[in-house]
Amino acid sequence: MNSMIVRRELGDFLRSRRERLTPEQVGLPSTGRRRTPGLRREEVAVLAGVGVTWYTWLEQGRTINVSMQVITAIGRVLRLDDGESRHLSRLAGMQRIEPEIVTCDPELLTAFQPVLDKLDPYPACLQTPLFSVIAYNKTYRHLFTDMDVIPVADRNCAVKFFTESSWRDRFVDVDVVATRMVARMRAAVSTGPSGSEAALVIGRLLDRSDEFARLWRRHDVLLRHDEVKRVDNPLVGRLSLSFVSSQVVETGHRMTIMTPADDQTRERLERLHSAASRSDDRPAL
């Protein structure tokens, strides 16, 4: 990822975590009403044992030397949980950032499409960390809508969710899905999506969705992708699906498999796959 983007993300994240704390929470005396919310930069610097100027430069995204010891101290002052601490470490360059996502070439599709197809009737797809869908099997094709009719460049689940009610309405727990999706995208920004994809996807969402912009400003991060979602499928009804994801080490893509969380969903996935199998053959991606 572009180093300038990472430094900006680091500064924004530190500021958002600083602004959610009060002096009382970190053992400082209250000084009355403040012009800005949360702790001041100098207060964080003193509590973490670093220079005020150095910490200010860190939040401003300047190129400076950072050690794991200092990052740990800052995380402790800001009361970061485990996921937030790992996110901060990655942004600060303390953990290896994976290579940028590259275009999914035909050889990769040739390798993964048979794997995805073998997972039918369980929906499965290959995505980038920012939810751009690269490949999918027959059941996934009809999980939310007919994916084949969506132009390849528009097959992004986050953009669909936040900008199209027909896609969003498929989810039962909309608020939970929205919060977790944005938190996963925040985490993904520190782990290696290409600068071009980040600019395109996140820029589009910030322009078109006030809800996304509000959640993005919270700087919540979520590293795990395992969860249960309830989806109202137009062909077979409600599905309770366990989402399990694993990273493709060579490229950074993510393979997501959706397994039934109950017997009713298992039976309905069989019916959905049968309906998908009767549809026209998939056009080449």
Protein backbone atom coordinates (compact mmCIF):
# COMPACT_ATOMS: atom_id res chain seq x y z
CA MET A 1 0.00 0.00 0.00
CA ASN A 2 1.09 3.57 -0.59
CA SER A 3 3.10 4.68 2.46
CA MET A 4 1.40 8.09 2.51
CA ILE A 5 -2.00 6.40 2.84
CA VAL A 6 -0.71 4.24 5.69
CA ARG A 7 0.71 7.23 7.57
CA ARG A 8 -2.54 9.13 7.15
CA GLU A 9 -4.49 6.12 8.42
CA LEU A 10 -2.14 5.87 11.40
CA GLY A 11 -2.66 9.51 12.34
CA ASP A 12 -6.44 9.32 11.91
CA PHE A 13 -6.62 6.15 13.99
CA LEU A 14 -4.56 7.58 16.86
CA ARG A 15 -6.64 10.75 16.89
CA SER A 16 -9.94 8.83 16.93
CA ARG A 17 -8.78 6.65 19.85
CA ARG A 18 -7.45 9.67 21.74
CA GLU A 19 -10.69 11.61 21.32
CA ARG A 20 -12.85 8.87 22.80
CA LEU A 21 -11.08 8.99 26.19
CA THR A 22 -11.58 11.39 29.09
CA PRO A 23 -8.83 12.57 31.46
CA GLU A 24 -10.55 10.73 34.32
CA GLN A 25 -10.29 7.41 32.45
CA VAL A 26 -6.50 7.63 32.37
CA GLY A 27 -6.03 8.99 35.89
CA LEU A 28 -5.68 12.68 35.03
CA PRO A 29 -7.55 15.43 36.90
CA SER A 30 -10.47 17.05 35.10
CA THR A 31 -9.73 20.60 33.94
CA GLY A 32 -13.28 21.57 33.10
CA ARG A 33 -14.78 21.98 29.67
CA ARG A 34 -12.46 21.42 26.68
CA ARG A 35 -12.64 22.88 23.21
CA THR A 36 -11.99 19.48 21.66
CA PRO A 37 -13.15 16.03 22.85
CA GLY A 38 -10.94 13.49 24.58
CA LEU A 39 -7.31 13.68 25.59
CA ARG A 40 -4.86 16.24 24.30
CA ARG A 41 -1.81 15.15 22.32
CA GLU A 42 0.53 16.31 25.04
CA GLU A 43 -1.34 14.23 27.61
CA VAL A 44 -0.95 11.08 25.53
CA ALA A 45 2.72 11.86 24.97
CA VAL A 46 3.43 12.35 28.70
CA LEU A 47 1.54 9.21 29.73
CA ALA A 48 3.33 7.14 27.05
CA GLY A 49 6.75 8.57 27.94
CA VAL A 50 7.47 10.16 24.55
CA GLY A 51 8.13 13.71 23.42
CA VAL A 52 5.16 15.91 22.60
CA THR A 53 6.68 17.00 19.29
CA TRP A 54 7.44 13.39 18.32
CA TYR A 55 3.88 12.26 19.10
CA THR A 56 2.46 15.25 17.22
CA TRP A 57 4.50 14.29 14.15
CA LEU A 58 3.26 10.71 14.48
CA GLU A 59 -0.37 11.87 14.36
CA GLN A 60 0.43 14.19 11.48
CA GLY A 61 1.68 11.27 9.42
CA ARG A 62 5.30 12.39 9.18
CA THR A 63 8.03 9.89 8.44
CA ILE A 64 9.69 9.16 11.79
CA ASN A 65 11.31 6.18 13.49
CA VAL A 66 8.94 4.11 15.62
CA SER A 67 9.73 1.23 17.96
CA MET A 68 7.48 -1.59 19.15
CA GLN A 69 8.07 -0.50 22.75
CA VAL A 70 6.72 2.98 22.05
CA ILE A 71 3.76 1.70 20.03
CA THR A 72 2.89 -0.66 22.89
CA ALA A 73 3.05 2.21 25.38
CA ILE A 74 0.80 4.40 23.23
CA GLY A 75 -1.67 1.54 22.80
CA ARG A 76 -1.77 1.03 26.55
CA VAL A 77 -2.46 4.74 27.16
CA LEU A 78 -5.23 4.75 24.56
CA ARG A 79 -6.85 1.64 26.10
CA LEU A 80 -6.72 -0.33 22.84
CA ASP A 81 -8.12 -3.84 22.76
CA ASP A 82 -6.22 -6.73 21.13
CA GLY A 83 -7.59 -6.13 17.64
CA GLU A 84 -6.94 -2.40 17.81
CA SER A 85 -3.42 -2.99 19.11
CA ARG A 86 -2.59 -5.28 16.18
CA HIS A 87 -4.10 -2.74 13.80
CA LEU A 88 -1.93 0.02 15.29
CA SER A 89 1.18 -2.17 15.03
CA ARG A 90 0.54 -2.87 11.36
CA LEU A 91 -0.06 0.79 10.56
CA ALA A 92 3.17 1.68 12.37
CA GLY A 93 5.08 -0.90 10.34
CA MET A 94 5.74 -3.20 13.29
CA GLN A 95 4.16 -6.18 11.52
CA ARG A 96 4.82 -7.28 7.98
CA ILE A 97 2.34 -5.84 5.50
CA GLU A 98 1.39 -8.26 2.76
CA PRO A 99 2.10 -7.38 -0.88
CA GLU A 100 -0.44 -5.29 -2.72
CA ILE A 101 -3.40 -7.08 -4.23
CA VAL A 102 -2.78 -7.73 -7.91
CA THR A 103 -5.34 -8.20 -10.64
CA CYS A 104 -6.79 -11.68 -10.48
CA ASP A 105 -5.22 -13.19 -13.58
CA PRO A 106 -6.74 -16.09 -15.56
CA GLU A 107 -4.32 -18.60 -14.05
CA LEU A 108 -5.59 -17.83 -10.55
CA LEU A 109 -9.19 -18.15 -11.68
CA THR A 110 -8.38 -21.43 -13.38
CA ALA A 111 -6.94 -22.71 -10.11
CA PHE A 112 -9.73 -21.50 -7.83
CA GLN A 113 -12.91 -21.89 -9.86
CA PRO A 114 -12.93 -25.73 -9.58
CA VAL A 115 -12.40 -25.40 -5.81
CA LEU A 116 -15.33 -23.01 -5.48
CA ASP A 117 -17.50 -25.25 -7.66
CA LYS A 118 -16.70 -28.28 -5.51
CA LEU A 119 -18.06 -26.42 -2.47
CA ASP A 120 -21.59 -26.25 -3.93
CA PRO A 121 -24.27 -26.26 -2.53
CA TYR A 122 -22.46 -24.09 0.01
CA PRO A 123 -22.04 -20.53 -1.31
CA ALA A 124 -18.38 -19.63 -1.80
CA CYS A 125 -16.47 -16.79 -3.43
CA LEU A 126 -13.03 -15.29 -3.89
CA GLN A 127 -12.77 -11.63 -2.79
CA THR A 128 -10.27 -8.89 -2.22
CA PRO A 129 -9.94 -7.62 1.40
CA LEU A 130 -12.25 -4.72 0.45
CA PHE A 131 -15.05 -7.08 -0.69
CA SER A 132 -14.60 -6.95 -4.46
CA VAL A 133 -15.86 -10.33 -5.71
CA ILE A 134 -13.44 -12.00 -8.13
CA ALA A 135 -14.99 -15.47 -8.58
CA TYR A 136 -17.89 -17.50 -7.15
CA ASN A 137 -19.78 -20.77 -7.44
CA LYS A 138 -23.34 -21.41 -8.64
CA THR A 139 -25.00 -21.11 -5.24
CA TYR A 140 -23.26 -17.83 -4.41
CA ARG A 141 -24.30 -16.51 -7.81
CA HIS A 142 -27.95 -16.41 -6.65
CA LEU A 143 -27.42 -15.74 -2.93
CA PHE A 144 -28.24 -12.01 -3.03
CA THR A 145 -29.10 -11.41 -6.67
CA ASP A 146 -27.90 -12.79 -10.00
CA MET A 147 -24.21 -11.90 -9.84
CA ASP A 148 -23.74 -12.68 -13.52
CA VAL A 149 -25.80 -9.66 -14.58
CA ILE A 150 -23.65 -7.25 -12.53
CA PRO A 151 -20.70 -5.77 -14.46
CA VAL A 152 -17.39 -7.15 -13.22
CA ALA A 153 -16.19 -3.70 -12.09
CA ASP A 154 -19.30 -3.27 -9.91
CA ARG A 155 -19.12 -6.59 -8.05
CA ASN A 156 -18.22 -5.14 -4.67
CA CYS A 157 -20.31 -6.30 -1.71
CA ALA A 158 -19.62 -3.22 0.42
CA VAL A 159 -20.61 -0.79 -2.33
CA LYS A 160 -23.75 -2.83 -3.05
CA PHE A 161 -24.66 -3.00 0.64
CA PHE A 162 -24.29 0.71 1.36
CA THR A 163 -25.71 2.08 -1.89
CA GLU A 164 -28.41 -0.33 -3.11
CA SER A 165 -31.45 -1.17 -0.99
CA SER A 166 -32.20 -4.30 -3.05
CA TRP A 167 -28.89 -5.79 -1.84
CA ARG A 168 -29.00 -4.36 1.67
CA ASP A 169 -32.53 -5.63 2.30
CA ARG A 170 -31.33 -9.22 1.90
CA PHE A 171 -29.67 -8.97 5.33
CA VAL A 172 -31.77 -9.37 8.47
CA ASP A 173 -29.37 -7.73 10.94
CA VAL A 174 -28.52 -4.68 8.88
CA ASP A 175 -26.92 -2.53 11.59
CA VAL A 176 -24.64 -5.34 12.77
CA VAL A 177 -23.58 -6.18 9.21
CA ALA A 178 -22.85 -2.52 8.45
CA THR A 179 -20.73 -2.00 11.55
CA ARG A 180 -18.72 -5.20 11.13
CA MET A 181 -18.18 -4.69 7.40
CA VAL A 182 -16.71 -1.22 7.87
CA ALA A 183 -14.56 -2.43 10.78
CA ARG A 184 -13.15 -5.21 8.58
CA MET A 185 -12.42 -2.71 5.82
CA ARG A 186 -10.60 -0.48 8.33
CA ALA A 187 -8.47 -3.44 9.36
CA ALA A 188 -7.86 -4.37 5.72
CA VAL A 189 -6.46 -0.92 4.94
CA SER A 190 -3.49 -1.73 7.18
CA THR A 191 -2.86 -5.21 5.76
CA GLY A 192 -2.23 -4.58 2.10
CA PRO A 193 -5.05 -3.82 -0.39
CA SER A 194 -3.74 -1.93 -3.38
CA GLY A 195 -3.83 1.84 -3.21
CA SER A 196 -5.91 1.96 -6.37
CA GLU A 197 -8.60 -0.36 -5.01
CA ALA A 198 -8.70 1.44 -1.66
CA ALA A 199 -9.06 4.82 -3.37
CA LEU A 200 -11.78 3.53 -5.69
CA VAL A 201 -13.90 1.56 -3.20
CA ILE A 202 -13.55 3.72 -0.10
CA GLY A 203 -13.73 6.93 -2.10
CA ARG A 204 -16.93 5.79 -3.79
CA LEU A 205 -18.51 4.85 -0.47
CA LEU A 206 -17.54 8.09 1.27
CA ASP A 207 -19.12 10.03 -1.60
CA ARG A 208 -22.32 7.99 -1.81
CA SER A 209 -23.15 6.82 1.72
CA ASP A 210 -23.46 9.04 4.79
CA GLU A 211 -23.83 5.91 6.93
CA PHE A 212 -20.53 4.51 5.68
CA ALA A 213 -18.79 7.87 6.23
CA ARG A 214 -20.07 7.99 9.81
CA LEU A 215 -18.92 4.43 10.57
CA TRP A 216 -15.58 4.99 8.79
CA ARG A 217 -14.83 7.97 11.04
CA ARG A 218 -15.19 5.74 14.12
CA HIS A 219 -12.00 3.84 13.19
CA ASP A 220 -13.33 0.56 14.58
CA VAL A 221 -11.26 -2.43 13.43
CA LEU A 222 -12.17 -6.11 13.20
CA LEU A 223 -9.64 -8.70 12.09
CA ARG A 224 -11.72 -11.89 12.27
CA HIS A 225 -14.15 -12.77 9.50
CA ASP A 226 -15.95 -15.74 11.08
CA GLU A 227 -19.58 -14.95 11.90
CA VAL A 228 -23.20 -16.01 11.37
CA LYS A 229 -25.41 -13.89 9.11
CA ARG A 230 -29.10 -14.18 8.36
CA VAL A 231 -29.94 -13.61 4.70
CA ASP A 232 -33.37 -13.46 3.06
CA ASN A 233 -32.87 -15.17 -0.29
CA PRO A 234 -35.46 -14.31 -3.00
CA LEU A 235 -35.69 -17.93 -4.19
CA VAL A 236 -35.75 -20.08 -1.03
CA GLY A 237 -36.33 -17.76 1.94
CA ARG A 238 -34.32 -17.09 5.07
CA LEU A 239 -30.85 -18.60 5.44
CA SER A 240 -28.67 -18.69 8.56
CA LEU A 241 -25.12 -18.89 7.27
CA SER A 242 -21.79 -19.28 9.03
CA PHE A 243 -19.24 -17.17 7.13
CA VAL A 244 -15.69 -18.55 7.27
CA SER A 245 -12.83 -16.84 5.45
CA SER A 246 -9.21 -17.71 4.78
CA GLN A 247 -6.50 -15.70 3.05
CA VAL A 248 -4.82 -16.75 -0.17
CA VAL A 249 -1.19 -16.19 0.81
CA GLU A 250 0.16 -15.73 -2.71
CA THR A 251 -2.07 -12.77 -3.60
CA GLY A 252 -3.81 -11.56 -0.44
CA HIS A 253 -7.27 -12.44 -1.75
CA ARG A 254 -9.79 -13.99 0.64
CA MET A 255 -11.82 -17.13 0.03
CA THR A 256 -15.14 -17.04 1.88
CA ILE A 257 -17.28 -20.13 2.44
CA MET A 258 -20.82 -20.00 3.83
CA THR A 259 -22.02 -23.12 5.62
CA PRO A 260 -25.52 -23.76 7.02
CA ALA A 261 -26.00 -22.87 10.67
CA ASP A 262 -29.12 -25.07 10.95
CA ASP A 263 -30.89 -27.97 9.19
CA GLN A 264 -33.48 -25.74 7.53
CA THR A 265 -30.73 -23.67 5.91
CA ARG A 266 -28.96 -26.83 4.75
CA GLU A 267 -32.11 -28.00 2.96
CA ARG A 268 -32.72 -24.56 1.46
CA LEU A 269 -29.16 -24.35 0.16
CA GLU A 270 -29.73 -27.65 -1.66
CA ARG A 271 -32.82 -26.14 -3.29
CA LEU A 272 -30.95 -22.93 -4.15
CA HIS A 273 -28.16 -24.89 -5.79
CA SER A 274 -30.68 -26.91 -7.81
CA ALA A 275 -32.28 -23.69 -9.02
CA ALA A 276 -28.87 -22.22 -9.86
CA SER A 277 -27.91 -25.37 -11.78
CA ARG A 278 -30.96 -24.98 -14.00
CA SER A 279 -29.93 -21.44 -14.95
CA ASP A 280 -27.83 -20.58 -17.96
CA ASP A 281 -24.12 -21.37 -17.86
CA ARG A 282 -21.92 -18.69 -16.36
CA PRO A 283 -20.26 -16.30 -18.83
CA ALA A 284 -16.51 -16.02 -18.65
CA LEU A 285 -15.32 -13.59 -15.96
